[in-house]
Amino acid sequence: MTENSEMPTARRNIWLRGLFMLLMAFAFHVCGTVMCIVTVIQFAMMLLNGTPNVRLVSFGRSLGRYLQQIAHFLTFATEEMPFPFSDWPTGD
């Protein structure tokens, strides 16, 4: 009888996770756009100065890690939810 009583909770959890997956997929799309913008700016910085912007390098690393966290969550590789439900990844 315990199997039947746990089923509605599990079903609710998967629907809630599905909602979070939609939100994270949208965040992934927005972050992908931001990554493209950062890429163009870094390319321009290299053309003009010969060196990349250090702050953008750090931001790019952290953004890449964030995209990785989202991908892991979306593909069920982890149950840990990315930012804003956890800390923003560091760019170190």
N, C-alpha and C. Protein backbone atom coordinates (compact mmCIF):
# COMPACT_ATOMS: atom_id res chain seq x y z
N MET A 1 0.81 -1.19 0.00
CA MET A 1 0.00 0.00 0.00
C MET A 1 0.86 1.26 0.00
N THR A 2 2.10 1.18 0.47
CA THR A 2 2.97 2.34 0.47
C THR A 2 3.32 2.79 -0.94
N GLU A 3 3.36 1.87 -1.90
CA GLU A 3 3.68 2.23 -3.27
C GLU A 3 2.64 3.18 -3.84
N ASN A 4 1.36 2.92 -3.59
CA ASN A 4 0.29 3.76 -4.12
C ASN A 4 0.26 5.13 -3.47
N SER A 5 0.57 5.20 -2.19
CA SER A 5 0.53 6.49 -1.50
C SER A 5 1.71 7.38 -1.91
N GLU A 6 2.82 6.79 -2.35
CA GLU A 6 3.97 7.58 -2.77
C GLU A 6 3.85 8.04 -4.23
N MET A 7 3.04 7.39 -5.00
CA MET A 7 2.94 7.70 -6.42
C MET A 7 2.48 9.13 -6.70
N PRO A 8 1.43 9.65 -6.05
CA PRO A 8 1.03 11.03 -6.34
C PRO A 8 2.12 12.04 -6.02
N THR A 9 2.88 11.83 -4.96
CA THR A 9 3.97 12.74 -4.62
C THR A 9 5.06 12.71 -5.68
N ALA A 10 5.41 11.53 -6.14
CA ALA A 10 6.43 11.41 -7.19
C ALA A 10 5.95 12.07 -8.47
N ARG A 11 4.69 11.90 -8.80
CA ARG A 11 4.14 12.49 -10.02
C ARG A 11 4.12 14.02 -9.91
N ARG A 12 3.77 14.53 -8.74
CA ARG A 12 3.80 15.98 -8.52
C ARG A 12 5.22 16.51 -8.64
N ASN A 13 6.18 15.78 -8.08
CA ASN A 13 7.58 16.22 -8.14
C ASN A 13 8.10 16.28 -9.57
N ILE A 14 7.70 15.34 -10.40
CA ILE A 14 8.19 15.35 -11.78
C ILE A 14 7.56 16.51 -12.55
N TRP A 15 6.32 16.84 -12.26
CA TRP A 15 5.71 18.01 -12.93
C TRP A 15 6.35 19.31 -12.46
N LEU A 16 6.67 19.38 -11.17
CA LEU A 16 7.36 20.57 -10.65
C LEU A 16 8.75 20.68 -11.27
N ARG A 17 9.43 19.54 -11.38
CA ARG A 17 10.75 19.54 -12.02
C ARG A 17 10.62 19.95 -13.48
N GLY A 18 9.57 19.50 -14.14
CA GLY A 18 9.34 19.89 -15.53
C GLY A 18 9.18 21.39 -15.67
N LEU A 19 8.47 22.01 -14.73
CA LEU A 19 8.33 23.47 -14.74
C LEU A 19 9.69 24.15 -14.58
N PHE A 20 10.48 23.65 -13.64
CA PHE A 20 11.82 24.21 -13.44
C PHE A 20 12.70 23.97 -14.66
N MET A 21 12.51 22.84 -15.33
CA MET A 21 13.29 22.56 -16.54
C MET A 21 12.95 23.57 -17.64
N LEU A 22 11.69 23.93 -17.77
CA LEU A 22 11.30 24.96 -18.75
C LEU A 22 11.96 26.30 -18.43
N LEU A 23 11.94 26.66 -17.15
CA LEU A 23 12.57 27.92 -16.74
C LEU A 23 14.08 27.90 -16.99
N MET A 24 14.71 26.77 -16.69
CA MET A 24 16.15 26.65 -16.90
C MET A 24 16.50 26.62 -18.38
N ALA A 25 15.64 26.03 -19.21
CA ALA A 25 15.87 26.04 -20.66
C ALA A 25 15.80 27.47 -21.20
N PHE A 26 14.88 28.26 -20.68
CA PHE A 26 14.80 29.67 -21.06
C PHE A 26 16.06 30.41 -20.62
N ALA A 27 16.52 30.15 -19.39
CA ALA A 27 17.75 30.78 -18.89
C ALA A 27 18.94 30.37 -19.75
N PHE A 28 18.97 29.12 -20.20
CA PHE A 28 20.05 28.63 -21.06
C PHE A 28 20.06 29.42 -22.37
N HIS A 29 18.89 29.64 -22.92
CA HIS A 29 18.78 30.39 -24.17
C HIS A 29 19.27 31.84 -23.99
N VAL A 30 18.84 32.48 -22.93
CA VAL A 30 19.27 33.87 -22.65
C VAL A 30 20.78 33.92 -22.44
N CYS A 31 21.30 32.98 -21.66
CA CYS A 31 22.75 32.96 -21.39
C CYS A 31 23.55 32.66 -22.66
N GLY A 32 23.01 31.86 -23.54
CA GLY A 32 23.67 31.61 -24.82
C GLY A 32 23.80 32.90 -25.63
N THR A 33 22.76 33.71 -25.60
CA THR A 33 22.79 35.01 -26.28
C THR A 33 23.84 35.92 -25.63
N VAL A 34 23.88 35.94 -24.31
CA VAL A 34 24.87 36.74 -23.60
C VAL A 34 26.27 36.26 -23.93
N MET A 35 26.46 34.95 -24.02
CA MET A 35 27.76 34.39 -24.36
C MET A 35 28.20 34.86 -25.75
N CYS A 36 27.28 34.90 -26.69
CA CYS A 36 27.60 35.39 -28.04
C CYS A 36 28.03 36.85 -28.01
N ILE A 37 27.35 37.66 -27.21
CA ILE A 37 27.70 39.08 -27.08
C ILE A 37 29.09 39.22 -26.48
N VAL A 38 29.36 38.47 -25.41
CA VAL A 38 30.69 38.51 -24.78
C VAL A 38 31.76 38.08 -25.76
N THR A 39 31.46 37.08 -26.58
CA THR A 39 32.42 36.59 -27.57
C THR A 39 32.77 37.69 -28.57
N VAL A 40 31.78 38.40 -29.06
CA VAL A 40 32.02 39.47 -30.02
C VAL A 40 32.82 40.60 -29.37
N ILE A 41 32.49 40.94 -28.14
CA ILE A 41 33.22 42.00 -27.44
C ILE A 41 34.68 41.58 -27.21
N GLN A 42 34.89 40.34 -26.80
CA GLN A 42 36.27 39.86 -26.59
C GLN A 42 37.06 39.85 -27.89
N PHE A 43 36.42 39.48 -28.98
CA PHE A 43 37.10 39.49 -30.27
C PHE A 43 37.51 40.91 -30.64
N ALA A 44 36.60 41.87 -30.41
CA ALA A 44 36.92 43.28 -30.68
C ALA A 44 38.06 43.76 -29.78
N MET A 45 38.06 43.33 -28.52
CA MET A 45 39.13 43.71 -27.60
C MET A 45 40.47 43.17 -28.08
N MET A 46 40.47 41.95 -28.59
CA MET A 46 41.71 41.37 -29.11
C MET A 46 42.19 42.13 -30.34
N LEU A 47 41.27 42.54 -31.21
CA LEU A 47 41.66 43.31 -32.39
C LEU A 47 42.22 44.67 -32.01
N LEU A 48 41.61 45.32 -31.04
CA LEU A 48 42.01 46.68 -30.67
C LEU A 48 43.21 46.72 -29.74
N ASN A 49 43.23 45.86 -28.73
CA ASN A 49 44.25 45.93 -27.69
C ASN A 49 45.29 44.82 -27.76
N GLY A 50 44.97 43.74 -28.43
CA GLY A 50 45.88 42.61 -28.48
C GLY A 50 45.77 41.68 -27.29
N THR A 51 44.93 42.02 -26.30
CA THR A 51 44.71 41.16 -25.14
C THR A 51 43.22 41.15 -24.80
N PRO A 52 42.74 40.05 -24.28
CA PRO A 52 41.32 40.01 -23.87
C PRO A 52 41.11 40.76 -22.56
N ASN A 53 39.88 41.18 -22.35
CA ASN A 53 39.51 41.85 -21.11
C ASN A 53 39.46 40.82 -19.99
N VAL A 54 40.20 41.04 -18.92
CA VAL A 54 40.33 40.07 -17.82
C VAL A 54 38.99 39.84 -17.15
N ARG A 55 38.21 40.89 -16.96
CA ARG A 55 36.90 40.72 -16.31
C ARG A 55 35.96 39.89 -17.17
N LEU A 56 36.01 40.10 -18.48
CA LEU A 56 35.16 39.31 -19.37
C LEU A 56 35.63 37.85 -19.45
N VAL A 57 36.92 37.63 -19.31
CA VAL A 57 37.43 36.25 -19.26
C VAL A 57 36.84 35.54 -18.05
N SER A 58 36.89 36.19 -16.89
CA SER A 58 36.35 35.60 -15.67
C SER A 58 34.83 35.40 -15.80
N PHE A 59 34.13 36.39 -16.33
CA PHE A 59 32.69 36.27 -16.52
C PHE A 59 32.37 35.14 -17.50
N GLY A 60 33.13 35.04 -18.57
CA GLY A 60 32.92 33.98 -19.55
C GLY A 60 33.09 32.60 -18.95
N ARG A 61 34.09 32.45 -18.09
CA ARG A 61 34.29 31.17 -17.41
C ARG A 61 33.11 30.83 -16.52
N SER A 62 32.67 31.81 -15.73
CA SER A 62 31.54 31.53 -14.83
C SER A 62 30.26 31.29 -15.61
N LEU A 63 30.06 32.01 -16.70
CA LEU A 63 28.88 31.79 -17.54
C LEU A 63 28.92 30.41 -18.18
N GLY A 64 30.09 29.98 -18.61
CA GLY A 64 30.24 28.64 -19.16
C GLY A 64 29.92 27.56 -18.14
N ARG A 65 30.37 27.77 -16.92
CA ARG A 65 30.07 26.80 -15.85
C ARG A 65 28.58 26.79 -15.53
N TYR A 66 27.95 27.97 -15.59
CA TYR A 66 26.52 28.06 -15.37
C TYR A 66 25.75 27.30 -16.46
N LEU A 67 26.17 27.48 -17.71
CA LEU A 67 25.53 26.75 -18.81
C LEU A 67 25.71 25.24 -18.62
N GLN A 68 26.87 24.84 -18.13
CA GLN A 68 27.12 23.43 -17.86
C GLN A 68 26.19 22.92 -16.76
N GLN A 69 26.02 23.70 -15.70
CA GLN A 69 25.12 23.31 -14.62
C GLN A 69 23.68 23.15 -15.13
N ILE A 70 23.25 24.08 -15.98
CA ILE A 70 21.91 23.98 -16.54
C ILE A 70 21.78 22.72 -17.39
N ALA A 71 22.78 22.46 -18.22
CA ALA A 71 22.74 21.26 -19.08
C ALA A 71 22.67 19.99 -18.24
N HIS A 72 23.41 19.95 -17.15
CA HIS A 72 23.38 18.78 -16.27
C HIS A 72 22.00 18.62 -15.64
N PHE A 73 21.40 19.73 -15.25
CA PHE A 73 20.07 19.67 -14.65
C PHE A 73 19.03 19.22 -15.67
N LEU A 74 19.10 19.79 -16.87
CA LEU A 74 18.11 19.47 -17.91
C LEU A 74 18.19 18.02 -18.37
N THR A 75 19.36 17.43 -18.33
CA THR A 75 19.54 16.05 -18.80
C THR A 75 19.49 15.03 -17.66
N PHE A 76 19.06 15.47 -16.49
CA PHE A 76 18.91 14.61 -15.31
C PHE A 76 20.24 14.06 -14.83
N ALA A 77 21.36 14.69 -15.18
CA ALA A 77 22.66 14.26 -14.67
C ALA A 77 22.82 14.65 -13.21
N THR A 78 22.03 15.64 -12.78
CA THR A 78 22.05 16.07 -11.38
C THR A 78 20.67 16.56 -11.00
N GLU A 79 20.39 16.53 -9.72
CA GLU A 79 19.15 17.09 -9.19
C GLU A 79 19.38 18.48 -8.61
N GLU A 80 20.64 18.89 -8.54
CA GLU A 80 20.97 20.20 -7.99
C GLU A 80 20.56 21.29 -8.98
N MET A 81 19.75 22.22 -8.52
CA MET A 81 19.27 23.27 -9.40
C MET A 81 20.28 24.41 -9.47
N PRO A 82 20.51 24.94 -10.66
CA PRO A 82 21.46 26.03 -10.84
C PRO A 82 20.91 27.35 -10.31
N PHE A 83 21.75 28.39 -10.42
CA PHE A 83 21.37 29.75 -10.05
C PHE A 83 20.02 30.07 -10.70
N PRO A 84 19.10 30.68 -10.06
CA PRO A 84 19.11 31.40 -8.79
C PRO A 84 18.78 30.54 -7.57
N PHE A 85 18.71 29.23 -7.76
CA PHE A 85 18.39 28.33 -6.65
C PHE A 85 19.64 27.87 -5.91
N SER A 86 20.80 28.20 -6.43
CA SER A 86 22.07 27.95 -5.77
C SER A 86 23.00 29.12 -6.12
N ASP A 87 24.22 29.09 -5.63
CA ASP A 87 25.16 30.18 -5.86
C ASP A 87 25.59 30.23 -7.32
N TRP A 88 25.91 31.44 -7.78
CA TRP A 88 26.47 31.63 -9.12
C TRP A 88 27.86 31.01 -9.15
N PRO A 89 28.22 30.26 -10.18
CA PRO A 89 29.55 29.65 -10.24
C PRO A 89 30.66 30.70 -10.36
N THR A 90 31.80 30.39 -9.81
CA THR A 90 32.92 31.32 -9.86
C THR A 90 33.63 31.25 -11.21
N GLY A 91 34.36 32.31 -11.52
CA GLY A 91 35.09 32.37 -12.77
C GLY A 91 36.55 32.09 -12.61
N ASP A 92 36.93 31.50 -11.48
CA ASP A 92 38.34 31.21 -11.21
C ASP A 92 38.79 29.95 -11.91
